[in-house]
Amino acid sequence: MLAVMTSKGQVTIPVAIRHKLRLKTGDSLDFVLSKDERLEIIPTRMPVQSLKGLVPRPKRAISLKEMEAVIGMGGRS
């Protein structure tokens, strides 16, 4: 498939490729240039391990009984 680069250096990825790779707006792509000057474009997927630390630890430990009570109230504490 052929794509043309704009004066700003932008290239549109053909729709068939976007569908095949399940790409959507906001996805990241990694550009890898090989020694023989071939370009690979690899969609990057966020590994689940990268989510570690995203949510801060609670200030205090809560018991299972407390968790069940909050769940029973629909999440309202």
N, C-alpha and C. Protein backbone atom coordinates (compact mmCIF):
# COMPACT_ATOMS: atom_id res chain seq x y z
N MET A 1 0.85 -1.17 0.00
CA MET A 1 0.00 0.00 0.00
C MET A 1 0.89 1.23 0.00
N LEU A 2 0.45 2.22 -0.69
CA LEU A 2 1.22 3.44 -0.84
C LEU A 2 0.61 4.54 0.02
N ALA A 3 1.47 5.31 0.66
CA ALA A 3 1.04 6.48 1.42
C ALA A 3 1.98 7.62 1.06
N VAL A 4 1.49 8.84 1.09
CA VAL A 4 2.28 10.01 0.72
C VAL A 4 2.49 10.86 1.97
N MET A 5 3.73 11.33 2.15
CA MET A 5 4.06 12.17 3.30
C MET A 5 3.73 13.62 2.99
N THR A 6 3.14 14.31 3.96
CA THR A 6 2.80 15.72 3.80
C THR A 6 4.03 16.58 4.06
N SER A 7 3.91 17.87 3.82
CA SER A 7 5.02 18.80 4.08
C SER A 7 5.38 18.86 5.56
N LYS A 8 4.47 18.46 6.43
CA LYS A 8 4.72 18.43 7.87
C LYS A 8 5.30 17.09 8.33
N GLY A 9 5.54 16.17 7.39
CA GLY A 9 6.09 14.87 7.74
C GLY A 9 5.06 13.88 8.22
N GLN A 10 3.80 14.14 7.98
CA GLN A 10 2.74 13.25 8.43
C GLN A 10 2.34 12.28 7.32
N VAL A 11 2.03 11.06 7.72
CA VAL A 11 1.59 10.02 6.79
C VAL A 11 0.31 9.41 7.35
N THR A 12 -0.66 9.22 6.48
CA THR A 12 -1.90 8.57 6.90
C THR A 12 -1.73 7.06 6.74
N ILE A 13 -2.00 6.33 7.81
CA ILE A 13 -1.94 4.87 7.75
C ILE A 13 -3.21 4.39 7.06
N PRO A 14 -3.08 3.60 6.00
CA PRO A 14 -4.26 3.14 5.27
C PRO A 14 -5.26 2.43 6.19
N VAL A 15 -6.53 2.62 5.90
CA VAL A 15 -7.60 2.09 6.75
C VAL A 15 -7.50 0.57 6.91
N ALA A 16 -7.12 -0.14 5.86
CA ALA A 16 -7.01 -1.60 5.96
C ALA A 16 -5.96 -2.00 7.00
N ILE A 17 -4.86 -1.25 7.06
CA ILE A 17 -3.79 -1.53 8.04
C ILE A 17 -4.29 -1.17 9.44
N ARG A 18 -4.97 -0.03 9.58
CA ARG A 18 -5.50 0.36 10.90
C ARG A 18 -6.46 -0.70 11.43
N HIS A 19 -7.31 -1.23 10.56
CA HIS A 19 -8.26 -2.26 11.00
C HIS A 19 -7.53 -3.55 11.37
N LYS A 20 -6.58 -3.96 10.54
CA LYS A 20 -5.83 -5.21 10.79
C LYS A 20 -5.09 -5.15 12.13
N LEU A 21 -4.49 -3.98 12.44
CA LEU A 21 -3.73 -3.83 13.69
C LEU A 21 -4.61 -3.34 14.85
N ARG A 22 -5.91 -3.18 14.58
CA ARG A 22 -6.86 -2.69 15.60
C ARG A 22 -6.38 -1.37 16.22
N LEU A 23 -5.93 -0.44 15.38
CA LEU A 23 -5.46 0.86 15.85
C LEU A 23 -6.63 1.80 16.02
N LYS A 24 -6.53 2.65 17.02
CA LYS A 24 -7.56 3.66 17.23
C LYS A 24 -6.89 4.97 17.62
N THR A 25 -7.64 6.04 17.58
CA THR A 25 -7.12 7.36 17.92
C THR A 25 -6.44 7.33 19.29
N GLY A 26 -5.24 7.88 19.35
CA GLY A 26 -4.49 7.94 20.60
C GLY A 26 -3.53 6.80 20.81
N ASP A 27 -3.59 5.74 19.98
CA ASP A 27 -2.65 4.63 20.11
C ASP A 27 -1.23 5.10 19.80
N SER A 28 -0.26 4.46 20.42
CA SER A 28 1.15 4.78 20.18
C SER A 28 1.75 3.79 19.20
N LEU A 29 2.67 4.29 18.38
CA LEU A 29 3.37 3.46 17.41
C LEU A 29 4.86 3.63 17.63
N ASP A 30 5.60 2.54 17.54
CA ASP A 30 7.05 2.57 17.68
C ASP A 30 7.65 2.40 16.28
N PHE A 31 8.53 3.32 15.88
CA PHE A 31 9.19 3.26 14.58
C PHE A 31 10.58 2.69 14.77
N VAL A 32 10.86 1.56 14.11
CA VAL A 32 12.15 0.88 14.23
C VAL A 32 12.80 0.83 12.86
N LEU A 33 14.00 1.40 12.75
CA LEU A 33 14.74 1.41 11.50
C LEU A 33 15.83 0.35 11.56
N SER A 34 15.82 -0.59 10.61
CA SER A 34 16.82 -1.66 10.59
C SER A 34 18.09 -1.18 9.88
N LYS A 35 19.13 -1.98 9.97
CA LYS A 35 20.41 -1.63 9.34
C LYS A 35 20.28 -1.49 7.83
N ASP A 36 19.39 -2.26 7.22
CA ASP A 36 19.21 -2.17 5.77
C ASP A 36 18.16 -1.11 5.39
N GLU A 37 17.90 -0.18 6.32
CA GLU A 37 17.01 0.96 6.13
C GLU A 37 15.56 0.58 5.85
N ARG A 38 15.13 -0.55 6.41
CA ARG A 38 13.72 -0.91 6.37
C ARG A 38 13.08 -0.38 7.64
N LEU A 39 11.87 0.09 7.49
CA LEU A 39 11.16 0.67 8.62
C LEU A 39 10.07 -0.29 9.09
N GLU A 40 10.05 -0.54 10.38
CA GLU A 40 8.97 -1.32 10.98
C GLU A 40 8.18 -0.37 11.86
N ILE A 41 6.87 -0.44 11.75
CA ILE A 41 5.99 0.35 12.60
C ILE A 41 5.25 -0.64 13.48
N ILE A 42 5.50 -0.53 14.77
CA ILE A 42 4.97 -1.52 15.72
C ILE A 42 4.01 -0.82 16.69
N PRO A 43 2.75 -1.25 16.72
CA PRO A 43 1.84 -0.67 17.71
C PRO A 43 2.27 -1.10 19.10
N THR A 44 2.34 -0.15 20.01
CA THR A 44 2.76 -0.48 21.37
C THR A 44 1.52 -0.71 22.22
N ARG A 45 1.54 -1.76 22.94
CA ARG A 45 0.44 -2.09 23.85
C ARG A 45 0.98 -1.92 25.27
N MET A 46 0.19 -1.33 26.12
CA MET A 46 0.62 -1.10 27.49
C MET A 46 0.52 -2.41 28.27
N PRO A 47 1.66 -2.91 28.77
CA PRO A 47 1.59 -4.14 29.57
C PRO A 47 0.92 -3.86 30.92
N VAL A 48 0.24 -4.85 31.43
CA VAL A 48 -0.49 -4.68 32.68
C VAL A 48 0.45 -4.28 33.82
N GLN A 49 1.72 -4.69 33.75
CA GLN A 49 2.69 -4.34 34.80
C GLN A 49 2.91 -2.83 34.88
N SER A 50 2.69 -2.12 33.77
CA SER A 50 2.91 -0.67 33.78
C SER A 50 1.84 0.06 34.59
N LEU A 51 0.77 -0.63 34.96
CA LEU A 51 -0.29 -0.01 35.75
C LEU A 51 0.05 0.02 37.24
N LYS A 52 1.10 -0.73 37.63
CA LYS A 52 1.47 -0.79 39.05
C LYS A 52 1.80 0.61 39.56
N GLY A 53 1.22 0.94 40.68
CA GLY A 53 1.47 2.23 41.31
C GLY A 53 0.55 3.34 40.81
N LEU A 54 -0.32 3.04 39.86
CA LEU A 54 -1.23 4.04 39.30
C LEU A 54 -2.21 4.54 40.37
N VAL A 55 -2.67 3.63 41.20
CA VAL A 55 -3.60 3.99 42.27
C VAL A 55 -2.81 3.97 43.59
N PRO A 56 -2.86 5.07 44.33
CA PRO A 56 -2.09 5.10 45.58
C PRO A 56 -2.64 4.13 46.62
N ARG A 57 -1.77 3.69 47.50
CA ARG A 57 -2.20 2.82 48.59
C ARG A 57 -3.12 3.60 49.53
N PRO A 58 -4.08 2.91 50.13
CA PRO A 58 -4.95 3.61 51.10
C PRO A 58 -4.14 4.04 52.31
N LYS A 59 -4.62 5.07 52.99
CA LYS A 59 -3.90 5.58 54.16
C LYS A 59 -3.88 4.57 55.29
N ARG A 60 -4.92 3.73 55.32
CA ARG A 60 -4.94 2.67 56.34
C ARG A 60 -5.54 1.42 55.70
N ALA A 61 -5.16 0.29 56.24
CA ALA A 61 -5.69 -0.97 55.74
C ALA A 61 -7.16 -1.08 56.14
N ILE A 62 -7.96 -1.65 55.25
CA ILE A 62 -9.37 -1.85 55.59
C ILE A 62 -9.66 -3.35 55.61
N SER A 63 -10.59 -3.70 56.44
CA SER A 63 -10.91 -5.13 56.60
C SER A 63 -11.87 -5.57 55.50
N LEU A 64 -11.99 -6.87 55.35
CA LEU A 64 -12.93 -7.44 54.39
C LEU A 64 -14.36 -7.05 54.77
N LYS A 65 -14.63 -7.00 56.05
CA LYS A 65 -15.96 -6.62 56.54
C LYS A 65 -16.27 -5.18 56.11
N GLU A 66 -15.28 -4.27 56.23
CA GLU A 66 -15.49 -2.88 55.80
C GLU A 66 -15.71 -2.80 54.29
N MET A 67 -14.94 -3.59 53.53
CA MET A 67 -15.10 -3.60 52.07
C MET A 67 -16.50 -4.05 51.71
N GLU A 68 -16.96 -5.13 52.33
CA GLU A 68 -18.30 -5.67 52.02
C GLU A 68 -19.39 -4.65 52.39
N ALA A 69 -19.18 -3.91 53.47
CA ALA A 69 -20.16 -2.91 53.88
C ALA A 69 -20.26 -1.80 52.84
N VAL A 70 -19.13 -1.33 52.34
CA VAL A 70 -19.12 -0.28 51.32
C VAL A 70 -19.73 -0.79 50.03
N ILE A 71 -19.40 -2.02 49.65
CA ILE A 71 -19.98 -2.62 48.44
C ILE A 71 -21.51 -2.70 48.58
N GLY A 72 -21.96 -3.09 49.78
CA GLY A 72 -23.40 -3.18 50.04
C GLY A 72 -24.11 -1.85 49.94
N MET A 73 -23.38 -0.75 50.17
CA MET A 73 -23.97 0.58 50.05
C MET A 73 -23.81 1.15 48.64
N GLY A 74 -23.37 0.34 47.72
CA GLY A 74 -23.21 0.81 46.34
C GLY A 74 -21.99 1.67 46.14
N GLY A 75 -20.98 1.49 46.98
CA GLY A 75 -19.73 2.24 46.81
C GLY A 75 -19.68 3.54 47.60
N ARG A 76 -20.80 3.93 48.24
CA ARG A 76 -20.81 5.17 49.01
C ARG A 76 -20.28 4.86 50.41
N SER A 77 -19.36 5.67 50.87
CA SER A 77 -18.83 5.43 52.23
C SER A 77 -19.33 6.46 53.21
